[in-house]
Amino acid sequence: APGKQRELVALITAGSSTNYADSVKGRFTISR
């Protein structure tokens, strides 16, 4: 966001494990 540092919000591994930032848990879903 403007004036803020880049932050990680979601990730997915080759094995399809996922992790989310607390601010987006339950709202965002990462998939491949």
PDB file of all heavy atoms in Angstrom:
ATOM      1  N   ALA A   1       0.843  -1.180   0.000  1.00  0.00           N
ATOM      2  CA  ALA A   1       0.000   0.000   0.000  1.00  0.00           C
ATOM      3  C   ALA A   1       0.886   1.239   0.000  1.00  0.00           C
ATOM      4  O   ALA A   1       2.046   1.184   0.424  1.00  0.00           O
ATOM      5  CB  ALA A   1      -0.917   0.000   1.214  1.00  0.00           C
ATOM      6  N   PRO A   2       0.366   2.381  -0.455  1.00  0.00           N
ATOM      7  CA  PRO A   2       1.159   3.611  -0.468  1.00  0.00           C
ATOM      8  C   PRO A   2       1.719   3.943   0.909  1.00  0.00           C
ATOM      9  O   PRO A   2       0.995   3.931   1.905  1.00  0.00           O
ATOM     10  CB  PRO A   2       0.157   4.667  -0.930  1.00  0.00           C
ATOM     11  CG  PRO A   2      -0.831   3.909  -1.753  1.00  0.00           C
ATOM     12  CD  PRO A   2      -0.971   2.584  -1.053  1.00  0.00           C
ATOM     13  N   GLY A   3       3.016   4.215   0.972  1.00  0.00           N
ATOM     14  CA  GLY A   3       3.657   4.577   2.218  1.00  0.00           C
ATOM     15  C   GLY A   3       3.958   3.418   3.144  1.00  0.00           C
ATOM     16  O   GLY A   3       4.455   3.637   4.256  1.00  0.00           O
ATOM     17  N   LYS A   4       3.674   2.194   2.716  1.00  0.00           N
ATOM     18  CA  LYS A   4       3.914   1.033   3.551  1.00  0.00           C
ATOM     19  C   LYS A   4       4.870   0.062   2.868  1.00  0.00           C
ATOM     20  O   LYS A   4       5.063   0.108   1.654  1.00  0.00           O
ATOM     21  CB  LYS A   4       2.603   0.313   3.878  1.00  0.00           C
ATOM     22  CG  LYS A   4       1.641   1.132   4.725  1.00  0.00           C
ATOM     23  CD  LYS A   4       0.432   0.310   5.109  1.00  0.00           C
ATOM     24  CE  LYS A   4      -0.507   1.090   6.012  1.00  0.00           C
ATOM     25  NZ  LYS A   4      -1.686   0.274   6.408  1.00  0.00           N
ATOM     26  N   GLN A   5       5.474  -0.814   3.665  1.00  0.00           N
ATOM     27  CA  GLN A   5       6.373  -1.822   3.134  1.00  0.00           C
ATOM     28  C   GLN A   5       5.585  -2.972   2.524  1.00  0.00           C
ATOM     29  O   GLN A   5       4.444  -3.234   2.899  1.00  0.00           O
ATOM     30  CB  GLN A   5       7.296  -2.350   4.234  1.00  0.00           C
ATOM     31  CG  GLN A   5       8.221  -1.316   4.834  1.00  0.00           C
ATOM     32  CD  GLN A   5       9.221  -1.926   5.784  1.00  0.00           C
ATOM     33  OE1 GLN A   5       9.945  -2.860   5.414  1.00  0.00           O
ATOM     34  NE2 GLN A   5       9.263  -1.412   6.991  1.00  0.00           N
ATOM     35  N   ARG A   6       6.223  -3.639   1.579  1.00  0.00           N
ATOM     36  CA  ARG A   6       5.601  -4.798   0.968  1.00  0.00           C
ATOM     37  C   ARG A   6       5.483  -5.922   1.995  1.00  0.00           C
ATOM     38  O   ARG A   6       6.435  -6.209   2.728  1.00  0.00           O
ATOM     39  CB  ARG A   6       6.435  -5.249  -0.231  1.00  0.00           C
ATOM     40  CG  ARG A   6       5.774  -6.299  -1.094  1.00  0.00           C
ATOM     41  CD  ARG A   6       6.566  -6.529  -2.380  1.00  0.00           C
ATOM     42  NE  ARG A   6       6.635  -5.324  -3.193  1.00  0.00           N
ATOM     43  CZ  ARG A   6       7.162  -5.275  -4.408  1.00  0.00           C
ATOM     44  NH1 ARG A   6       7.666  -6.372  -4.955  1.00  0.00           N
ATOM     45  NH2 ARG A   6       7.194  -4.135  -5.067  1.00  0.00           N
ATOM     46  N   GLU A   7       4.324  -6.557   2.050  1.00  0.00           N
ATOM     47  CA  GLU A   7       4.089  -7.605   3.025  1.00  0.00           C
ATOM     48  C   GLU A   7       3.565  -8.871   2.360  1.00  0.00           C
ATOM     49  O   GLU A   7       2.818  -8.824   1.383  1.00  0.00           O
ATOM     50  CB  GLU A   7       3.100  -7.143   4.099  1.00  0.00           C
ATOM     51  CG  GLU A   7       1.713  -6.810   3.573  1.00  0.00           C
ATOM     52  CD  GLU A   7       0.717  -6.482   4.665  1.00  0.00           C
ATOM     53  OE1 GLU A   7       0.969  -6.844   5.836  1.00  0.00           O
ATOM     54  OE2 GLU A   7      -0.325  -5.864   4.352  1.00  0.00           O
ATOM     55  N   LEU A   8       3.955  -9.995   2.915  1.00  0.00           N
ATOM     56  CA  LEU A   8       3.490 -11.292   2.438  1.00  0.00           C
ATOM     57  C   LEU A   8       2.098 -11.548   2.991  1.00  0.00           C
ATOM     58  O   LEU A   8       1.879 -11.459   4.198  1.00  0.00           O
ATOM     59  CB  LEU A   8       4.442 -12.395   2.892  1.00  0.00           C
ATOM     60  CG  LEU A   8       4.074 -13.832   2.526  1.00  0.00           C
ATOM     61  CD1 LEU A   8       4.139 -14.040   1.014  1.00  0.00           C
ATOM     62  CD2 LEU A   8       5.003 -14.813   3.242  1.00  0.00           C
ATOM     63  N   VAL A   9       1.157 -11.886   2.111  1.00  0.00           N
ATOM     64  CA  VAL A   9      -0.206 -12.144   2.558  1.00  0.00           C
ATOM     65  C   VAL A   9      -0.595 -13.610   2.451  1.00  0.00           C
ATOM     66  O   VAL A   9      -1.451 -14.075   3.202  1.00  0.00           O
ATOM     67  CB  VAL A   9      -1.235 -11.272   1.814  1.00  0.00           C
ATOM     68  CG1 VAL A   9      -0.979  -9.793   2.091  1.00  0.00           C
ATOM     69  CG2 VAL A   9      -1.207 -11.537   0.314  1.00  0.00           C
ATOM     70  N   ALA A  10       0.018 -14.354   1.533  1.00  0.00           N
ATOM     71  CA  ALA A  10      -0.320 -15.764   1.366  1.00  0.00           C
ATOM     72  C   ALA A  10       0.782 -16.486   0.616  1.00  0.00           C
ATOM     73  O   ALA A  10       1.473 -15.886  -0.209  1.00  0.00           O
ATOM     74  CB  ALA A  10      -1.644 -15.929   0.614  1.00  0.00           C
ATOM     75  N   LEU A  11       0.953 -17.778   0.900  1.00  0.00           N
ATOM     76  CA  LEU A  11       1.926 -18.582   0.177  1.00  0.00           C
ATOM     77  C   LEU A  11       1.395 -19.984  -0.025  1.00  0.00           C
ATOM     78  O   LEU A  11       0.532 -20.458   0.715  1.00  0.00           O
ATOM     79  CB  LEU A  11       3.274 -18.631   0.917  1.00  0.00           C
ATOM     80  CG  LEU A  11       3.337 -19.373   2.257  1.00  0.00           C
ATOM     81  CD1 LEU A  11       3.686 -20.853   2.050  1.00  0.00           C
ATOM     82  CD2 LEU A  11       4.358 -18.732   3.179  1.00  0.00           C
ATOM     83  N   ILE A  12       1.930 -20.642  -1.044  1.00  0.00           N
ATOM     84  CA  ILE A  12       1.584 -22.031  -1.304  1.00  0.00           C
ATOM     85  C   ILE A  12       2.848 -22.763  -1.719  1.00  0.00           C
ATOM     86  O   ILE A  12       3.630 -22.263  -2.526  1.00  0.00           O
ATOM     87  CB  ILE A  12       0.472 -22.152  -2.370  1.00  0.00           C
ATOM     88  CG1 ILE A  12       0.032 -23.607  -2.525  1.00  0.00           C
ATOM     89  CG2 ILE A  12       0.907 -21.560  -3.710  1.00  0.00           C
ATOM     90  CD1 ILE A  12      -1.272 -23.757  -3.297  1.00  0.00           C
ATOM     91  N   THR A  13       3.071 -23.954  -1.164  1.00  0.00           N
ATOM     92  CA  THR A  13       4.262 -24.737  -1.465  1.00  0.00           C
ATOM     93  C   THR A  13       3.992 -25.683  -2.623  1.00  0.00           C
ATOM     94  O   THR A  13       2.865 -25.847  -3.076  1.00  0.00           O
ATOM     95  CB  THR A  13       4.711 -25.545  -0.244  1.00  0.00           C
ATOM     96  OG1 THR A  13       3.753 -26.586   0.012  1.00  0.00           O
ATOM     97  CG2 THR A  13       4.841 -24.661   0.983  1.00  0.00           C
ATOM     98  N   ALA A  14       5.054 -26.346  -3.093  1.00  0.00           N
ATOM     99  CA  ALA A  14       4.910 -27.331  -4.158  1.00  0.00           C
ATOM    100  C   ALA A  14       4.010 -28.479  -3.730  1.00  0.00           C
ATOM    101  O   ALA A  14       3.370 -29.114  -4.572  1.00  0.00           O
ATOM    102  CB  ALA A  14       6.280 -27.862  -4.579  1.00  0.00           C
ATOM    103  N   GLY A  15       3.961 -28.741  -2.431  1.00  0.00           N
ATOM    104  CA  GLY A  15       3.089 -29.772  -1.898  1.00  0.00           C
ATOM    105  C   GLY A  15       1.704 -29.269  -1.553  1.00  0.00           C
ATOM    106  O   GLY A  15       0.927 -29.995  -0.933  1.00  0.00           O
ATOM    107  N   SER A  16       1.408 -28.033  -1.917  1.00  0.00           N
ATOM    108  CA  SER A  16       0.095 -27.403  -1.742  1.00  0.00           C
ATOM    109  C   SER A  16      -0.236 -27.058  -0.301  1.00  0.00           C
ATOM    110  O   SER A  16      -1.403 -26.844   0.038  1.00  0.00           O
ATOM    111  CB  SER A  16      -1.017 -28.273  -2.342  1.00  0.00           C
ATOM    112  OG  SER A  16      -0.858 -28.401  -3.740  1.00  0.00           O
ATOM    113  N   SER A  17       0.769 -26.978   0.562  1.00  0.00           N
ATOM    114  CA  SER A  17       0.548 -26.428   1.890  1.00  0.00           C
ATOM    115  C   SER A  17       0.408 -24.914   1.773  1.00  0.00           C
ATOM    116  O   SER A  17       1.069 -24.293   0.939  1.00  0.00           O
ATOM    117  CB  SER A  17       1.700 -26.768   2.826  1.00  0.00           C
ATOM    118  OG  SER A  17       1.786 -28.167   3.031  1.00  0.00           O
ATOM    119  N   THR A  18      -0.427 -24.320   2.600  1.00  0.00           N
ATOM    120  CA  THR A  18      -0.679 -22.882   2.518  1.00  0.00           C
ATOM    121  C   THR A  18      -0.514 -22.207   3.865  1.00  0.00           C
ATOM    122  O   THR A  18      -0.676 -22.829   4.922  1.00  0.00           O
ATOM    123  CB  THR A  18      -2.094 -22.592   1.993  1.00  0.00           C
ATOM    124  OG1 THR A  18      -3.056 -23.192   2.874  1.00  0.00           O
ATOM    125  CG2 THR A  18      -2.279 -23.168   0.598  1.00  0.00           C
ATOM    126  N   ASN A  19      -0.190 -20.923   3.822  1.00  0.00           N
ATOM    127  CA  ASN A  19      -0.130 -20.090   5.011  1.00  0.00           C
ATOM    128  C   ASN A  19      -0.605 -18.697   4.655  1.00  0.00           C
ATOM    129  O   ASN A  19      -0.442 -18.245   3.519  1.00  0.00           O
ATOM    130  CB  ASN A  19       1.292 -20.032   5.585  1.00  0.00           C
ATOM    131  CG  ASN A  19       1.654 -21.258   6.382  1.00  0.00           C
ATOM    132  OD1 ASN A  19       1.121 -21.484   7.465  1.00  0.00           O
ATOM    133  ND2 ASN A  19       2.566 -22.067   5.845  1.00  0.00           N
ATOM    134  N   TYR A  20      -1.185 -18.014   5.649  1.00  0.00           N
ATOM    135  CA  TYR A  20      -1.765 -16.699   5.424  1.00  0.00           C
ATOM    136  C   TYR A  20      -1.375 -15.732   6.529  1.00  0.00           C
ATOM    137  O   TYR A  20      -1.171 -16.126   7.684  1.00  0.00           O
ATOM    138  CB  TYR A  20      -3.292 -16.782   5.381  1.00  0.00           C
ATOM    139  CG  TYR A  20      -3.827 -17.685   4.305  1.00  0.00           C
ATOM    140  CD1 TYR A  20      -4.064 -19.033   4.553  1.00  0.00           C
ATOM    141  CD2 TYR A  20      -4.101 -17.193   3.030  1.00  0.00           C
ATOM    142  CE1 TYR A  20      -4.551 -19.866   3.565  1.00  0.00           C
ATOM    143  CE2 TYR A  20      -4.593 -18.019   2.037  1.00  0.00           C
ATOM    144  CZ  TYR A  20      -4.815 -19.356   2.313  1.00  0.00           C
ATOM    145  OH  TYR A  20      -5.301 -20.175   1.322  1.00  0.00           O
ATOM    146  N   ALA A  21      -1.301 -14.465   6.163  1.00  0.00           N
ATOM    147  CA  ALA A  21      -1.154 -13.433   7.165  1.00  0.00           C
ATOM    148  C   ALA A  21      -2.421 -13.379   8.011  1.00  0.00           C
ATOM    149  O   ALA A  21      -3.519 -13.649   7.522  1.00  0.00           O
ATOM    150  CB  ALA A  21      -0.902 -12.079   6.507  1.00  0.00           C
ATOM    151  N   ASP A  22      -2.272 -13.028   9.283  1.00  0.00           N
ATOM    152  CA  ASP A  22      -3.425 -12.989  10.175  1.00  0.00           C
ATOM    153  C   ASP A  22      -4.523 -12.063   9.659  1.00  0.00           C
ATOM    154  O   ASP A  22      -5.712 -12.327   9.868  1.00  0.00           O
ATOM    155  CB  ASP A  22      -3.001 -12.541  11.571  1.00  0.00           C
ATOM    156  CG  ASP A  22      -2.204 -13.602  12.309  1.00  0.00           C
ATOM    157  OD1 ASP A  22      -2.280 -14.786  11.929  1.00  0.00           O
ATOM    158  OD2 ASP A  22      -1.509 -13.245  13.278  1.00  0.00           O
ATOM    159  N   SER A  23      -4.139 -11.008   8.988  1.00  0.00           N
ATOM    160  CA  SER A  23      -5.103 -10.020   8.528  1.00  0.00           C
ATOM    161  C   SER A  23      -6.030 -10.528   7.429  1.00  0.00           C
ATOM    162  O   SER A  23      -7.078  -9.923   7.178  1.00  0.00           O
ATOM    163  CB  SER A  23      -4.377  -8.762   8.037  1.00  0.00           C
ATOM    164  OG  SER A  23      -3.495  -9.072   6.973  1.00  0.00           O
ATOM    165  N   VAL A  24      -5.663 -11.634   6.775  1.00  0.00           N
ATOM    166  CA  VAL A  24      -6.476 -12.139   5.669  1.00  0.00           C
ATOM    167  C   VAL A  24      -7.010 -13.538   5.907  1.00  0.00           C
ATOM    168  O   VAL A  24      -7.767 -14.056   5.071  1.00  0.00           O
ATOM    169  CB  VAL A  24      -5.703 -12.102   4.330  1.00  0.00           C
ATOM    170  CG1 VAL A  24      -5.156 -10.712   4.067  1.00  0.00           C
ATOM    171  CG2 VAL A  24      -4.583 -13.136   4.318  1.00  0.00           C
ATOM    172  N   LYS A  25      -6.661 -14.165   7.022  1.00  0.00           N
ATOM    173  CA  LYS A  25      -7.133 -15.513   7.311  1.00  0.00           C
ATOM    174  C   LYS A  25      -8.657 -15.562   7.330  1.00  0.00           C
ATOM    175  O   LYS A  25      -9.310 -14.709   7.918  1.00  0.00           O
ATOM    176  CB  LYS A  25      -6.589 -15.995   8.651  1.00  0.00           C
ATOM    177  CG  LYS A  25      -5.133 -16.397   8.623  1.00  0.00           C
ATOM    178  CD  LYS A  25      -4.670 -16.901   9.985  1.00  0.00           C
ATOM    179  CE  LYS A  25      -3.214 -17.322   9.949  1.00  0.00           C
ATOM    180  NZ  LYS A  25      -2.735 -17.766  11.280  1.00  0.00           N
ATOM    181  N   GLY A  26      -9.187 -16.574   6.679  1.00  0.00           N
ATOM    182  CA  GLY A  26     -10.629 -16.729   6.611  1.00  0.00           C
ATOM    183  C   GLY A  26     -11.281 -15.951   5.494  1.00  0.00           C
ATOM    184  O   GLY A  26     -12.466 -16.159   5.206  1.00  0.00           O
ATOM    185  N   ARG A  27     -10.540 -15.049   4.858  1.00  0.00           N
ATOM    186  CA  ARG A  27     -11.082 -14.236   3.772  1.00  0.00           C
ATOM    187  C   ARG A  27     -10.419 -14.520   2.428  1.00  0.00           C
ATOM    188  O   ARG A  27     -11.074 -14.474   1.392  1.00  0.00           O
ATOM    189  CB  ARG A  27     -10.941 -12.748   4.095  1.00  0.00           C
ATOM    190  CG  ARG A  27     -11.667 -12.322   5.367  1.00  0.00           C
ATOM    191  CD  ARG A  27     -11.675 -10.805   5.527  1.00  0.00           C
ATOM    192  NE  ARG A  27     -10.324 -10.262   5.655  1.00  0.00           N
ATOM    193  CZ  ARG A  27      -9.784  -9.385   4.814  1.00  0.00           C
ATOM    194  NH1 ARG A  27     -10.478  -8.940   3.773  1.00  0.00           N
ATOM    195  NH2 ARG A  27      -8.552  -8.934   5.016  1.00  0.00           N
ATOM    196  N   PHE A  28      -9.114 -14.785   2.442  1.00  0.00           N
ATOM    197  CA  PHE A  28      -8.354 -15.031   1.215  1.00  0.00           C
ATOM    198  C   PHE A  28      -8.015 -16.514   1.107  1.00  0.00           C
ATOM    199  O   PHE A  28      -7.768 -17.186   2.114  1.00  0.00           O
ATOM    200  CB  PHE A  28      -7.052 -14.241   1.208  1.00  0.00           C
ATOM    201  CG  PHE A  28      -7.204 -12.751   1.072  1.00  0.00           C
ATOM    202  CD1 PHE A  28      -8.432 -12.127   1.175  1.00  0.00           C
ATOM    203  CD2 PHE A  28      -6.083 -11.967   0.831  1.00  0.00           C
ATOM    204  CE1 PHE A  28      -8.570 -10.756   1.055  1.00  0.00           C
ATOM    205  CE2 PHE A  28      -6.195 -10.594   0.704  1.00  0.00           C
ATOM    206  CZ  PHE A  28      -7.439  -9.988   0.820  1.00  0.00           C
ATOM    207  N   THR A  29      -7.963 -17.013  -0.123  1.00  0.00           N
ATOM    208  CA  THR A  29      -7.568 -18.385  -0.383  1.00  0.00           C
ATOM    209  C   THR A  29      -6.586 -18.423  -1.545  1.00  0.00           C
ATOM    210  O   THR A  29      -6.889 -17.925  -2.628  1.00  0.00           O
ATOM    211  CB  THR A  29      -8.778 -19.273  -0.714  1.00  0.00           C
ATOM    212  OG1 THR A  29      -9.724 -19.230   0.357  1.00  0.00           O
ATOM    213  CG2 THR A  29      -8.333 -20.718  -0.916  1.00  0.00           C
ATOM    214  N   ILE A  30      -5.413 -19.014  -1.321  1.00  0.00           N
ATOM    215  CA  ILE A  30      -4.432 -19.179  -2.383  1.00  0.00           C
ATOM    216  C   ILE A  30      -4.532 -20.603  -2.925  1.00  0.00           C
ATOM    217  O   ILE A  30      -4.736 -21.557  -2.162  1.00  0.00           O
ATOM    218  CB  ILE A  30      -3.003 -18.872  -1.887  1.00  0.00           C
ATOM    219  CG1 ILE A  30      -2.011 -18.869  -3.056  1.00  0.00           C
ATOM    220  CG2 ILE A  30      -2.560 -19.842  -0.802  1.00  0.00           C
ATOM    221  CD1 ILE A  30      -0.630 -18.350  -2.674  1.00  0.00           C
ATOM    222  N   SER A  31      -4.411 -20.755  -4.224  1.00  0.00           N
ATOM    223  CA  SER A  31      -4.483 -22.068  -4.854  1.00  0.00           C
ATOM    224  C   SER A  31      -3.618 -22.085  -6.103  1.00  0.00           C
ATOM    225  O   SER A  31      -3.132 -21.035  -6.547  1.00  0.00           O
ATOM    226  CB  SER A  31      -5.933 -22.436  -5.195  1.00  0.00           C
ATOM    227  OG  SER A  31      -6.475 -21.522  -6.125  1.00  0.00           O
ATOM    228  N   ARG A  32      -3.424 -23.259  -6.662  1.00  0.00           N
ATOM    229  CA  ARG A  32      -2.601 -23.382  -7.859  1.00  0.00           C
ATOM    230  C   ARG A  32      -3.217 -24.364  -8.832  1.00  0.00           C
ATOM    231  O   ARG A  32      -3.903 -25.316  -8.443  1.00  0.00           O
ATOM    232  CB  ARG A  32      -1.170 -23.809  -7.497  1.00  0.00           C
ATOM    233  CG  ARG A  32      -1.078 -25.183  -6.839  1.00  0.00           C
ATOM    234  CD  ARG A  32       0.262 -25.390  -6.156  1.00  0.00           C
ATOM    235  NE  ARG A  32       1.374 -25.301  -7.084  1.00  0.00           N
ATOM    236  CZ  ARG A  32       2.646 -25.218  -6.719  1.00  0.00           C
ATOM    237  NH1 ARG A  32       2.962 -25.197  -5.421  1.00  0.00           N
ATOM    238  NH2 ARG A  32       3.595 -25.149  -7.636  1.00  0.00           N
TER     239      ARG A  32
END
